[in-house]
PDB file of N, CA and C in Angstrom:
ATOM      1  N   UNK A   1       5.114  -0.273   9.762  1.00  0.00           N
ATOM      2  CA  UNK A   1       4.328  -0.938   9.936  1.00  0.00           C
ATOM      3  C   UNK A   1       4.121  -1.544  11.221  1.00  0.00           C
ATOM      4  N   UNK A   2       2.797  -1.276  11.931  1.00  0.00           N
ATOM      5  CA  UNK A   2       2.846  -1.812  13.021  1.00  0.00           C
ATOM      6  C   UNK A   2       2.476  -3.051  12.893  1.00  0.00           C
ATOM      7  N   UNK A   3       2.500  -3.534  14.475  1.00  0.00           N
ATOM      8  CA  UNK A   3       1.991  -5.088  14.705  1.00  0.00           C
ATOM      9  C   UNK A   3       0.134  -4.831  14.206  1.00  0.00           C
ATOM     10  N   UNK A   4      -0.197  -6.187  14.658  1.00  0.00           N
ATOM     11  CA  UNK A   4      -1.610  -6.538  14.706  1.00  0.00           C
ATOM     12  C   UNK A   4      -1.984  -6.059  16.181  1.00  0.00           C
ATOM     13  N   UNK A   5      -3.259  -5.201  16.380  1.00  0.00           N
ATOM     14  CA  UNK A   5      -3.561  -5.088  17.663  1.00  0.00           C
ATOM     15  C   UNK A   5      -4.701  -5.633  17.760  1.00  0.00           C
ATOM     16  N   UNK A   6      -5.378  -6.763  18.160  1.00  0.00           N
ATOM     17  CA  UNK A   6      -7.037  -7.443  18.101  1.00  0.00           C
ATOM     18  C   UNK A   6      -7.585  -7.013  19.765  1.00  0.00           C
ATOM     19  N   UNK A   7      -8.458  -6.453  19.009  1.00  0.00           N
ATOM     20  CA  UNK A   7      -9.280  -6.012  20.506  1.00  0.00           C
ATOM     21  C   UNK A   7     -10.412  -7.207  20.554  1.00  0.00           C
ATOM     22  N   UNK A   8     -10.693  -8.314  21.668  1.00  0.00           N
ATOM     23  CA  UNK A   8     -11.537  -8.844  21.842  1.00  0.00           C
ATOM     24  C   UNK A   8     -12.987  -8.197  22.474  1.00  0.00           C
ATOM     25  N   UNK A   9     -13.815  -7.521  21.761  1.00  0.00           N
ATOM     26  CA  UNK A   9     -15.086  -6.341  22.134  1.00  0.00           C
ATOM     27  C   UNK A   9     -15.756  -6.411  21.591  1.00  0.00           C
ATOM     28  N   UNK A  10     -17.205  -6.770  21.424  1.00  0.00           N
ATOM     29  CA  UNK A  10     -18.288  -6.504  20.338  1.00  0.00           C
ATOM     30  C   UNK A  10     -18.408  -5.712  19.834  1.00  0.00           C
ATOM     31  N   UNK A  11     -18.522  -5.603  18.281  1.00  0.00           N
ATOM     32  CA  UNK A  11     -18.802  -4.149  17.136  1.00  0.00           C
ATOM     33  C   UNK A  11     -17.311  -3.450  17.290  1.00  0.00           C
ATOM     34  N   UNK A  12     -16.130  -4.650  17.040  1.00  0.00           N
ATOM     35  CA  UNK A  12     -14.908  -3.806  17.521  1.00  0.00           C
ATOM     36  C   UNK A  12     -14.420  -4.031  16.165  1.00  0.00           C
ATOM     37  N   UNK A  13     -14.014  -3.224  15.279  1.00  0.00           N
ATOM     38  CA  UNK A  13     -13.242  -3.720  14.267  1.00  0.00           C
ATOM     39  C   UNK A  13     -11.575  -3.146  13.957  1.00  0.00           C
ATOM     40  N   UNK A  14     -10.598  -3.799  13.889  1.00  0.00           N
ATOM     41  CA  UNK A  14      -9.377  -3.527  13.815  1.00  0.00           C
ATOM     42  C   UNK A  14      -8.690  -3.703  12.357  1.00  0.00           C
ATOM     43  N   UNK A  15      -7.938  -2.525  12.184  1.00  0.00           N
ATOM     44  CA  UNK A  15      -7.330  -2.321  10.526  1.00  0.00           C
ATOM     45  C   UNK A  15      -5.746  -2.293  10.776  1.00  0.00           C
ATOM     46  N   UNK A  16      -5.186  -3.228   9.737  1.00  0.00           N
ATOM     47  CA  UNK A  16      -4.214  -3.257   9.865  1.00  0.00           C
ATOM     48  C   UNK A  16      -3.245  -3.252   8.658  1.00  0.00           C
ATOM     49  N   UNK A  17      -2.795  -2.400   7.776  1.00  0.00           N
ATOM     50  CA  UNK A  17      -1.840  -2.750   6.691  1.00  0.00           C
ATOM     51  C   UNK A  17      -0.836  -3.295   6.730  1.00  0.00           C
ATOM     52  N   UNK A  18      -0.191  -4.302   5.703  1.00  0.00           N
ATOM     53  CA  UNK A  18       0.846  -4.899   5.505  1.00  0.00           C
ATOM     54  C   UNK A  18       1.555  -3.978   4.260  1.00  0.00           C
ATOM     55  N   UNK A  19       2.820  -4.054   3.322  1.00  0.00           N
ATOM     56  CA  UNK A  19       3.140  -3.373   2.557  1.00  0.00           C
ATOM     57  C   UNK A  19       2.160  -3.450   1.337  1.00  0.00           C
ATOM     58  N   UNK A  20       1.293  -4.634   1.326  1.00  0.00           N
ATOM     59  CA  UNK A  20       0.340  -4.206  -0.301  1.00  0.00           C
ATOM     60  C   UNK A  20      -0.953  -4.323   0.356  1.00  0.00           C
ATOM     61  N   UNK A  21      -1.688  -4.512   1.164  1.00  0.00           N
ATOM     62  CA  UNK A  21      -2.759  -4.565   1.739  1.00  0.00           C
ATOM     63  C   UNK A  21      -3.496  -4.078   3.111  1.00  0.00           C
ATOM     64  N   UNK A  22      -4.387  -3.877   3.266  1.00  0.00           N
ATOM     65  CA  UNK A  22      -5.296  -3.263   4.438  1.00  0.00           C
ATOM     66  C   UNK A  22      -6.059  -4.236   4.845  1.00  0.00           C
ATOM     67  N   UNK A  23      -5.759  -5.035   5.971  1.00  0.00           N
ATOM     68  CA  UNK A  23      -6.999  -5.995   6.697  1.00  0.00           C
ATOM     69  C   UNK A  23      -8.139  -5.132   7.740  1.00  0.00           C
ATOM     70  N   UNK A  24      -9.032  -5.854   7.910  1.00  0.00           N
ATOM     71  CA  UNK A  24      -9.991  -5.440   8.949  1.00  0.00           C
ATOM     72  C   UNK A  24     -10.444  -6.743   9.368  1.00  0.00           C
ATOM     73  N   UNK A  25      -9.992  -7.073  10.782  1.00  0.00           N
ATOM     74  CA  UNK A  25     -10.753  -7.856  11.708  1.00  0.00           C
ATOM     75  C   UNK A  25     -11.693  -7.642  12.506  1.00  0.00           C
ATOM     76  N   UNK A  26     -12.813  -8.355  12.037  1.00  0.00           N
ATOM     77  CA  UNK A  26     -14.117  -7.988  12.418  1.00  0.00           C
ATOM     78  C   UNK A  26     -14.344  -9.051  13.846  1.00  0.00           C
ATOM     79  N   UNK A  27     -14.310  -8.362  15.074  1.00  0.00           N
ATOM     80  CA  UNK A  27     -14.953  -9.472  16.154  1.00  0.00           C
ATOM     81  C   UNK A  27     -16.231 -10.379  15.776  1.00  0.00           C
ATOM     82  N   UNK A  28     -16.361 -11.241  15.743  1.00  0.00           N
ATOM     83  CA  UNK A  28     -17.443 -12.196  15.900  1.00  0.00           C
ATOM     84  C   UNK A  28     -17.886 -13.041  16.955  1.00  0.00           C
ATOM     85  N   UNK A  29     -16.881 -13.284  17.713  1.00  0.00           N
ATOM     86  CA  UNK A  29     -17.420 -14.025  19.111  1.00  0.00           C
ATOM     87  C   UNK A  29     -15.874 -13.804  20.190  1.00  0.00           C
ATOM     88  N   UNK A  30     -15.917 -14.475  21.301  1.00  0.00           N
ATOM     89  CA  UNK A  30     -14.725 -13.927  22.108  1.00  0.00           C
ATOM     90  C   UNK A  30     -13.748 -15.105  21.744  1.00  0.00           C
ATOM     91  N   UNK A  31     -12.309 -14.598  21.181  1.00  0.00           N
ATOM     92  CA  UNK A  31     -11.250 -15.257  20.682  1.00  0.00           C
ATOM     93  C   UNK A  31     -11.344 -15.398  19.065  1.00  0.00           C
ATOM     94  N   UNK A  32     -12.627 -14.714  18.373  1.00  0.00           N
ATOM     95  CA  UNK A  32     -12.777 -15.376  16.863  1.00  0.00           C
ATOM     96  C   UNK A  32     -12.886 -13.848  16.184  1.00  0.00           C
ATOM     97  N   UNK A  33     -12.273 -13.791  15.165  1.00  0.00           N
ATOM     98  CA  UNK A  33     -12.539 -12.716  13.939  1.00  0.00           C
ATOM     99  C   UNK A  33     -12.830 -13.075  12.551  1.00  0.00           C
ATOM    100  N   UNK A  34     -13.452 -11.973  11.772  1.00  0.00           N
ATOM    101  CA  UNK A  34     -13.588 -12.378  10.368  1.00  0.00           C
ATOM    102  C   UNK A  34     -12.202 -11.672   9.695  1.00  0.00           C
ATOM    103  N   UNK A  35     -11.663 -11.832   8.587  1.00  0.00           N
ATOM    104  CA  UNK A  35     -10.803 -10.992   7.905  1.00  0.00           C
ATOM    105  C   UNK A  35     -11.095 -10.868   6.747  1.00  0.00           C
ATOM    106  N   UNK A  36     -10.644  -9.436   6.275  1.00  0.00           N
ATOM    107  CA  UNK A  36     -11.210  -9.183   4.710  1.00  0.00           C
ATOM    108  C   UNK A  36     -10.266  -8.256   4.593  1.00  0.00           C
ATOM    109  N   UNK A  37      -9.853  -8.457   3.152  1.00  0.00           N
ATOM    110  CA  UNK A  37      -8.881  -7.287   2.525  1.00  0.00           C
ATOM    111  C   UNK A  37      -9.802  -5.949   2.146  1.00  0.00           C
ATOM    112  N   UNK A  38      -9.412  -4.669   2.618  1.00  0.00           N
ATOM    113  CA  UNK A  38     -10.215  -3.470   2.671  1.00  0.00           C
ATOM    114  C   UNK A  38     -10.800  -3.408   1.141  1.00  0.00           C
ATOM    115  N   UNK A  39     -10.095  -3.671  -0.182  1.00  0.00           N
ATOM    116  CA  UNK A  39     -10.390  -3.349  -1.595  1.00  0.00           C
ATOM    117  C   UNK A  39     -10.454  -4.509  -1.854  1.00  0.00           C
ATOM    118  N   UNK A  40     -10.693  -5.959  -1.872  1.00  0.00           N
ATOM    119  CA  UNK A  40     -11.083  -7.321  -2.423  1.00  0.00           C
ATOM    120  C   UNK A  40     -12.056  -8.088  -1.860  1.00  0.00           C
ATOM    121  N   UNK A  41     -13.037  -7.934  -2.282  1.00  0.00           N
ATOM    122  CA  UNK A  41     -14.347  -8.432  -1.942  1.00  0.00           C
ATOM    123  C   UNK A  41     -14.835 -10.211  -2.104  1.00  0.00           C
ATOM    124  N   UNK A  42     -13.381 -10.097  -2.644  1.00  0.00           N
ATOM    125  CA  UNK A  42     -12.957 -11.663  -3.271  1.00  0.00           C
ATOM    126  C   UNK A  42     -12.298 -12.485  -2.181  1.00  0.00           C
ATOM    127  N   UNK A  43     -12.345 -12.157  -0.491  1.00  0.00           N
ATOM    128  CA  UNK A  43     -11.147 -12.262   0.298  1.00  0.00           C
ATOM    129  C   UNK A  43     -11.761 -12.333   1.478  1.00  0.00           C
ATOM    130  N   UNK A  44     -11.777 -13.634   2.176  1.00  0.00           N
ATOM    131  CA  UNK A  44     -12.494 -13.684   3.276  1.00  0.00           C
ATOM    132  C   UNK A  44     -12.046 -15.109   4.009  1.00  0.00           C
ATOM    133  N   UNK A  45     -11.401 -14.868   5.552  1.00  0.00           N
ATOM    134  CA  UNK A  45     -10.647 -15.423   6.136  1.00  0.00           C
ATOM    135  C   UNK A  45     -11.454 -15.326   7.946  1.00  0.00           C
ATOM    136  N   UNK A  46     -11.195 -16.459   8.243  1.00  0.00           N
ATOM    137  CA  UNK A  46     -11.447 -16.342   9.776  1.00  0.00           C
ATOM    138  C   UNK A  46     -10.186 -16.641  10.640  1.00  0.00           C
ATOM    139  N   UNK A  47     -10.086 -16.069  11.746  1.00  0.00           N
ATOM    140  CA  UNK A  47      -9.111 -16.152  13.213  1.00  0.00           C
ATOM    141  C   UNK A  47      -9.705 -16.381  14.189  1.00  0.00           C
ATOM    142  N   UNK A  48      -8.867 -17.553  15.024  1.00  0.00           N
ATOM    143  CA  UNK A  48      -9.041 -17.959  16.294  1.00  0.00           C
ATOM    144  C   UNK A  48      -8.462 -18.312  17.035  1.00  0.00           C
ATOM    145  N   UNK A  49      -8.466 -17.803  18.242  1.00  0.00           N
ATOM    146  CA  UNK A  49      -7.483 -17.907  19.358  1.00  0.00           C
ATOM    147  C   UNK A  49      -7.572 -18.849  19.568  1.00  0.00           C
ATOM    148  N   UNK A  50      -5.975 -19.788  19.800  1.00  0.00           N
ATOM    149  CA  UNK A  50      -5.805 -20.817  20.494  1.00  0.00           C
ATOM    150  C   UNK A  50      -4.611 -20.883  21.698  1.00  0.00           C
ATOM    151  N   UNK A  51      -5.043 -20.337  22.747  1.00  0.00           N
ATOM    152  CA  UNK A  51      -4.114 -20.027  23.588  1.00  0.00           C
ATOM    153  C   UNK A  51      -3.637 -18.741  23.477  1.00  0.00           C
ATOM    154  N   UNK A  52      -2.292 -19.139  23.332  1.00  0.00           N
ATOM    155  CA  UNK A  52      -1.283 -17.949  22.598  1.00  0.00           C
ATOM    156  C   UNK A  52      -1.036 -18.077  21.264  1.00  0.00           C
ATOM    157  N   UNK A  53      -1.771 -18.762  20.392  1.00  0.00           N
ATOM    158  CA  UNK A  53      -1.688 -18.921  18.791  1.00  0.00           C
ATOM    159  C   UNK A  53      -2.994 -18.456  18.104  1.00  0.00           C
ATOM    160  N   UNK A  54      -3.021 -18.392  17.045  1.00  0.00           N
ATOM    161  CA  UNK A  54      -4.138 -18.386  16.283  1.00  0.00           C
ATOM    162  C   UNK A  54      -4.307 -19.106  14.890  1.00  0.00           C
ATOM    163  N   UNK A  55      -5.499 -19.423  14.720  1.00  0.00           N
ATOM    164  CA  UNK A  55      -6.045 -20.554  13.739  1.00  0.00           C
ATOM    165  C   UNK A  55      -6.271 -19.810  12.606  1.00  0.00           C
ATOM    166  N   UNK A  56      -5.427 -19.600  11.424  1.00  0.00           N
ATOM    167  CA  UNK A  56      -5.953 -18.837  10.082  1.00  0.00           C
ATOM    168  C   UNK A  56      -6.604 -19.567   9.631  1.00  0.00           C
ATOM    169  N   UNK A  57      -7.600 -19.205   8.716  1.00  0.00           N
ATOM    170  CA  UNK A  57      -8.336 -20.238   7.620  1.00  0.00           C
ATOM    171  C   UNK A  57      -8.986 -19.274   6.744  1.00  0.00           C
ATOM    172  N   UNK A  58      -8.649 -19.213   5.269  1.00  0.00           N
ATOM    173  CA  UNK A  58      -9.254 -18.764   4.453  1.00  0.00           C
ATOM    174  C   UNK A  58     -10.273 -19.094   4.046  1.00  0.00           C
ATOM    175  N   UNK A  59     -11.132 -18.466   3.788  1.00  0.00           N
ATOM    176  CA  UNK A  59     -12.297 -19.348   2.840  1.00  0.00           C
ATOM    177  C   UNK A  59     -12.696 -18.725   1.739  1.00  0.00           C
ATOM    178  N   UNK A  60     -12.519 -17.626   1.251  1.00  0.00           N
ATOM    179  CA  UNK A  60     -12.543 -17.149  -0.124  1.00  0.00           C
ATOM    180  C   UNK A  60     -11.277 -16.580  -0.309  1.00  0.00           C
ATOM    181  N   UNK A  61     -10.700 -16.534  -1.586  1.00  0.00           N
ATOM    182  CA  UNK A  61      -9.265 -15.750  -2.156  1.00  0.00           C
ATOM    183  C   UNK A  61      -8.248 -16.933  -2.030  1.00  0.00           C
ATOM    184  N   UNK A  62      -7.153 -16.408  -1.739  1.00  0.00           N
ATOM    185  CA  UNK A  62      -6.006 -17.011  -2.051  1.00  0.00           C
ATOM    186  C   UNK A  62      -5.740 -18.227  -0.862  1.00  0.00           C
ATOM    187  N   UNK A  63      -5.958 -19.172  -0.988  1.00  0.00           N
ATOM    188  CA  UNK A  63      -5.423 -20.268   0.419  1.00  0.00           C
ATOM    189  C   UNK A  63      -4.352 -20.512   1.067  1.00  0.00           C
ATOM    190  N   UNK A  64      -2.984 -19.691   0.617  1.00  0.00           N
ATOM    191  CA  UNK A  64      -1.968 -20.097   1.203  1.00  0.00           C
ATOM    192  C   UNK A  64      -1.871 -19.822   2.681  1.00  0.00           C
ATOM    193  N   UNK A  65      -1.565 -20.448   3.305  1.00  0.00           N
ATOM    194  CA  UNK A  65      -1.170 -20.603   4.386  1.00  0.00           C
ATOM    195  C   UNK A  65      -2.461 -20.953   5.217  1.00  0.00           C
ATOM    196  N   UNK A  66      -3.675 -21.498   4.957  1.00  0.00           N
ATOM    197  CA  UNK A  66      -5.031 -21.575   5.432  1.00  0.00           C
ATOM    198  C   UNK A  66      -4.688 -22.561   6.444  1.00  0.00           C
ATOM    199  N   UNK A  67      -5.259 -22.597   7.656  1.00  0.00           N
ATOM    200  CA  UNK A  67      -5.448 -23.979   8.438  1.00  0.00           C
ATOM    201  C   UNK A  67      -4.343 -24.034   9.192  1.00  0.00           C
ATOM    202  N   UNK A  68      -3.354 -22.969   9.561  1.00  0.00           N
ATOM    203  CA  UNK A  68      -1.948 -22.711  10.119  1.00  0.00           C
ATOM    204  C   UNK A  68      -2.782 -22.605  11.410  1.00  0.00           C
ATOM    205  N   UNK A  69      -1.549 -22.717  12.242  1.00  0.00           N
ATOM    206  CA  UNK A  69      -1.673 -22.342  13.819  1.00  0.00           C
ATOM    207  C   UNK A  69      -0.272 -21.581  13.662  1.00  0.00           C
ATOM    208  N   UNK A  70      -0.798 -19.658  13.963  1.00  0.00           N
ATOM    209  CA  UNK A  70       0.482 -19.120  13.988  1.00  0.00           C
ATOM    210  C   UNK A  70       0.165 -18.495  15.241  1.00  0.00           C
ATOM    211  N   UNK A  71       1.634 -17.752  15.624  1.00  0.00           N
ATOM    212  CA  UNK A  71       1.687 -16.896  16.071  1.00  0.00           C
ATOM    213  C   UNK A  71       1.371 -15.210  15.497  1.00  0.00           C
ATOM    214  N   UNK A  72       0.689 -14.025  16.735  1.00  0.00           N
ATOM    215  CA  UNK A  72       0.602 -12.948  15.400  1.00  0.00           C
ATOM    216  C   UNK A  72       1.753 -12.647  14.409  1.00  0.00           C
ATOM    217  N   UNK A  73       2.799 -12.408  14.982  1.00  0.00           N
ATOM    218  CA  UNK A  73       3.767 -12.199  14.255  1.00  0.00           C
ATOM    219  C   UNK A  73       4.082 -13.175  12.731  1.00  0.00           C
ATOM    220  N   UNK A  74       3.674 -14.253  12.851  1.00  0.00           N
ATOM    221  CA  UNK A  74       4.364 -15.080  12.007  1.00  0.00           C
ATOM    222  C   UNK A  74       2.660 -14.983  11.171  1.00  0.00           C
ATOM    223  N   UNK A  75       1.546 -14.434  11.445  1.00  0.00           N
ATOM    224  CA  UNK A  75       0.628 -13.966  10.582  1.00  0.00           C
ATOM    225  C   UNK A  75       0.918 -12.774   9.884  1.00  0.00           C
ATOM    226  N   UNK A  76       1.380 -11.880  10.424  1.00  0.00           N
ATOM    227  CA  UNK A  76       1.675 -10.874   9.661  1.00  0.00           C
ATOM    228  C   UNK A  76       2.810 -10.898   8.569  1.00  0.00           C
ATOM    229  N   UNK A  77       3.452 -11.651   9.099  1.00  0.00           N
ATOM    230  CA  UNK A  77       4.736 -12.485   7.786  1.00  0.00           C
ATOM    231  C   UNK A  77       3.934 -12.728   6.718  1.00  0.00           C
ATOM    232  N   UNK A  78       2.690 -14.200   7.162  1.00  0.00           N
ATOM    233  CA  UNK A  78       1.619 -14.620   5.801  1.00  0.00           C
ATOM    234  C   UNK A  78       1.293 -13.558   5.400  1.00  0.00           C
ATOM    235  N   UNK A  79       0.747 -12.478   6.138  1.00  0.00           N
ATOM    236  CA  UNK A  79       0.139 -11.363   4.887  1.00  0.00           C
ATOM    237  C   UNK A  79       0.380  -9.863   4.486  1.00  0.00           C
ATOM    238  N   UNK A  80       1.803 -10.534   4.190  1.00  0.00           N
ATOM    239  CA  UNK A  80       2.647  -9.438   3.802  1.00  0.00           C
ATOM    240  C   UNK A  80       2.257  -9.634   2.155  1.00  0.00           C
TER     241      UNK A  80
END
């Protein structure tokens, strides 16, 4: 499993696969991404960079971990 590599560029989508799911991180603004599971239309989250950490907020779906500020490696552990 590789690490999440977010690109801060317009019209850029980053896919990352955990052991159980594939996630799509879609750039929406500088330092912000919408997060979706590839095969789960009922899951939507938002990720916002805060310095070297990221605020992760689940909008629809499983709210576990929502509202937390995490490093990318901590986010990867949460999304496993």
